[in-house]
Protein backbone atom coordinates (compact mmCIF):
# COMPACT_ATOMS: atom_id res chain seq x y z
CA MET A 1 12.26 -6.88 7.84
CA ILE A 2 12.06 -8.47 11.09
CA GLY A 3 8.65 -9.06 12.56
CA PHE A 4 6.66 -8.24 9.42
CA LYS A 5 3.64 -10.85 8.17
CA SER A 6 4.53 -11.92 4.52
CA ILE A 7 2.13 -11.08 1.94
CA VAL A 8 -1.35 -13.14 1.81
CA ASP A 9 -0.86 -14.04 -1.86
CA ALA A 10 1.83 -15.82 -2.67
CA GLY A 11 1.53 -16.53 -6.71
CA GLU A 12 2.01 -12.75 -8.07
CA SER A 13 3.66 -12.65 -11.30
CA GLU A 14 7.07 -10.51 -11.38
CA ALA A 15 5.24 -7.79 -13.27
CA SER A 16 2.55 -7.49 -10.55
CA ALA A 17 5.34 -6.53 -7.99
CA LEU A 18 7.47 -3.14 -7.67
CA LEU A 19 9.90 -1.64 -5.54
CA TRP A 20 8.52 1.69 -3.73
CA THR A 21 10.63 4.21 -2.20
CA GLY A 22 9.21 6.02 0.85
CA ARG A 23 9.87 9.73 2.00
CA SER A 24 12.25 8.35 4.07
CA GLY A 25 14.51 6.75 1.64
CA ARG A 26 13.35 3.30 2.70
CA ARG A 27 12.33 0.55 -0.12
CA TYR A 28 9.25 -1.48 0.10
CA ARG A 29 8.07 -4.02 -2.21
CA MET A 30 4.53 -3.59 -3.16
CA THR A 31 2.37 -6.45 -4.72
CA LEU A 32 -0.44 -5.20 -7.22
CA VAL A 33 -3.77 -6.63 -5.74
CA GLY A 34 -5.82 -5.53 -8.83
CA GLU A 35 -9.23 -3.47 -8.75
CA ALA A 36 -9.60 -1.00 -5.88
CA GLY A 37 -12.90 -2.77 -5.24
CA ALA A 38 -11.15 -5.86 -4.44
CA ALA A 39 -11.98 -7.68 -1.01
CA MET A 40 -9.39 -6.41 1.30
CA ALA A 41 -8.07 -8.54 4.24
CA PRO A 42 -8.23 -7.07 7.72
CA GLU A 43 -4.87 -7.29 8.86
CA THR A 44 -2.97 -6.27 5.66
CA LEU A 45 -1.60 -2.97 4.92
CA TYR A 46 -2.75 -1.45 1.33
CA ALA A 47 -1.54 1.41 -0.68
CA LEU A 48 -3.50 3.45 -3.47
CA GLU A 49 -1.33 4.85 -6.09
CA ASP A 50 -2.65 7.37 -8.62
CA GLU A 51 -0.18 8.99 -11.41
CA GLY A 52 2.80 7.54 -9.49
CA VAL A 53 1.78 8.87 -5.91
CA ILE A 54 0.49 7.19 -3.17
CA GLY A 55 -2.49 8.75 -2.14
CA TRP A 56 -3.85 6.66 0.68
CA ALA A 57 -2.28 4.05 2.73
CA GLY A 58 -3.88 1.59 5.56
CA THR A 59 -5.93 -1.01 6.28
CA ALA A 60 -9.23 -1.87 6.01
CA GLU A 61 -10.20 -0.94 9.36
CA ASP A 62 -8.67 2.40 8.61
CA LEU A 63 -11.62 2.65 6.20
CA ILE A 64 -14.11 1.58 8.74
CA GLY A 65 -12.82 3.82 11.56
CA ASP A 66 -11.45 6.95 10.09
CA HIS A 67 -13.88 9.34 7.78
CA ALA A 68 -11.17 11.13 6.39
CA SER A 69 -9.14 7.75 5.40
CA ARG A 70 -12.46 6.54 4.02
CA ALA A 71 -13.02 9.65 2.00
CA ARG A 72 -9.41 9.86 0.24
CA PHE A 73 -9.66 5.86 -0.42
CA ARG A 74 -13.04 6.54 -2.05
CA ARG A 75 -11.91 9.70 -4.43
CA LEU A 76 -8.62 7.77 -5.44
CA SER A 77 -10.70 4.51 -6.05
CA ALA A 78 -13.41 6.65 -8.33
CA LEU A 79 -10.02 7.86 -10.17
CA GLY A 80 -8.94 4.44 -11.13
CA ALA A 81 -6.29 4.21 -8.38
CA ARG A 82 -4.38 1.17 -8.41
CA LEU A 83 -4.27 -1.04 -5.11
CA PHE A 84 -1.23 -2.60 -3.67
CA SER A 85 -0.41 -4.85 -0.82
CA LEU A 86 2.80 -4.82 1.25
CA VAL A 87 4.37 -6.50 4.39
CA THR A 88 2.27 -5.48 7.78
CA PRO A 89 4.16 -4.52 10.75
CA ALA A 90 2.88 -6.09 13.80
CA ASP A 91 3.58 -3.34 15.83
CA PRO A 92 0.98 -0.33 15.75
CA LEU A 93 3.72 2.65 15.92
CA THR A 94 5.94 0.92 12.97
CA MET A 95 2.43 0.80 11.06
CA MET A 96 1.78 4.45 11.84
CA THR A 97 5.18 5.38 10.47
CA LEU A 98 5.16 3.20 7.47
CA VAL A 99 1.79 5.01 6.42
CA TRP A 100 3.55 8.16 6.84
CA ASP A 101 6.60 7.03 4.90
CA LEU A 102 4.34 5.81 2.01
CA GLU A 103 1.65 8.44 1.71
CA GLY A 104 2.78 11.30 -0.75
CA SER A 105 5.76 9.78 -1.81
CA ARG A 106 6.25 9.11 -5.52
CA HIS A 107 7.43 6.04 -7.73
CA TYR A 108 10.41 6.56 -10.05
CA ALA A 109 10.05 4.32 -13.17
CA GLY A 110 12.72 1.53 -13.66
CA ARG A 111 12.78 0.27 -10.14
CA SER A 112 11.24 -2.79 -9.96
CA ALA A 113 11.33 -5.72 -7.39
CA ALA A 114 12.30 -8.36 -9.79
């Protein structure tokens, strides 16, 4: 993917990475961050997954500036959703498209990014 930043944490185990298919059919490598309360890097894209569905995708800035985004994030965090990070597009339009592609998409078991 041209123009994307690499994931900040480079030493994750294979078990913490998975391949996620967005609504468009495009695949994304996502890395488990850990607890939803973990510190978030300002320019990294994150996704919260609960019961195999991405319920929220965005950046730390989205949590600060968008009340609706913050409410969804807090609700999913309270339910124990898993927080993932993924490569972040440099272009704002590409970022919005990626967030749209992820939110509401479902994970299919057996597809991992080994």
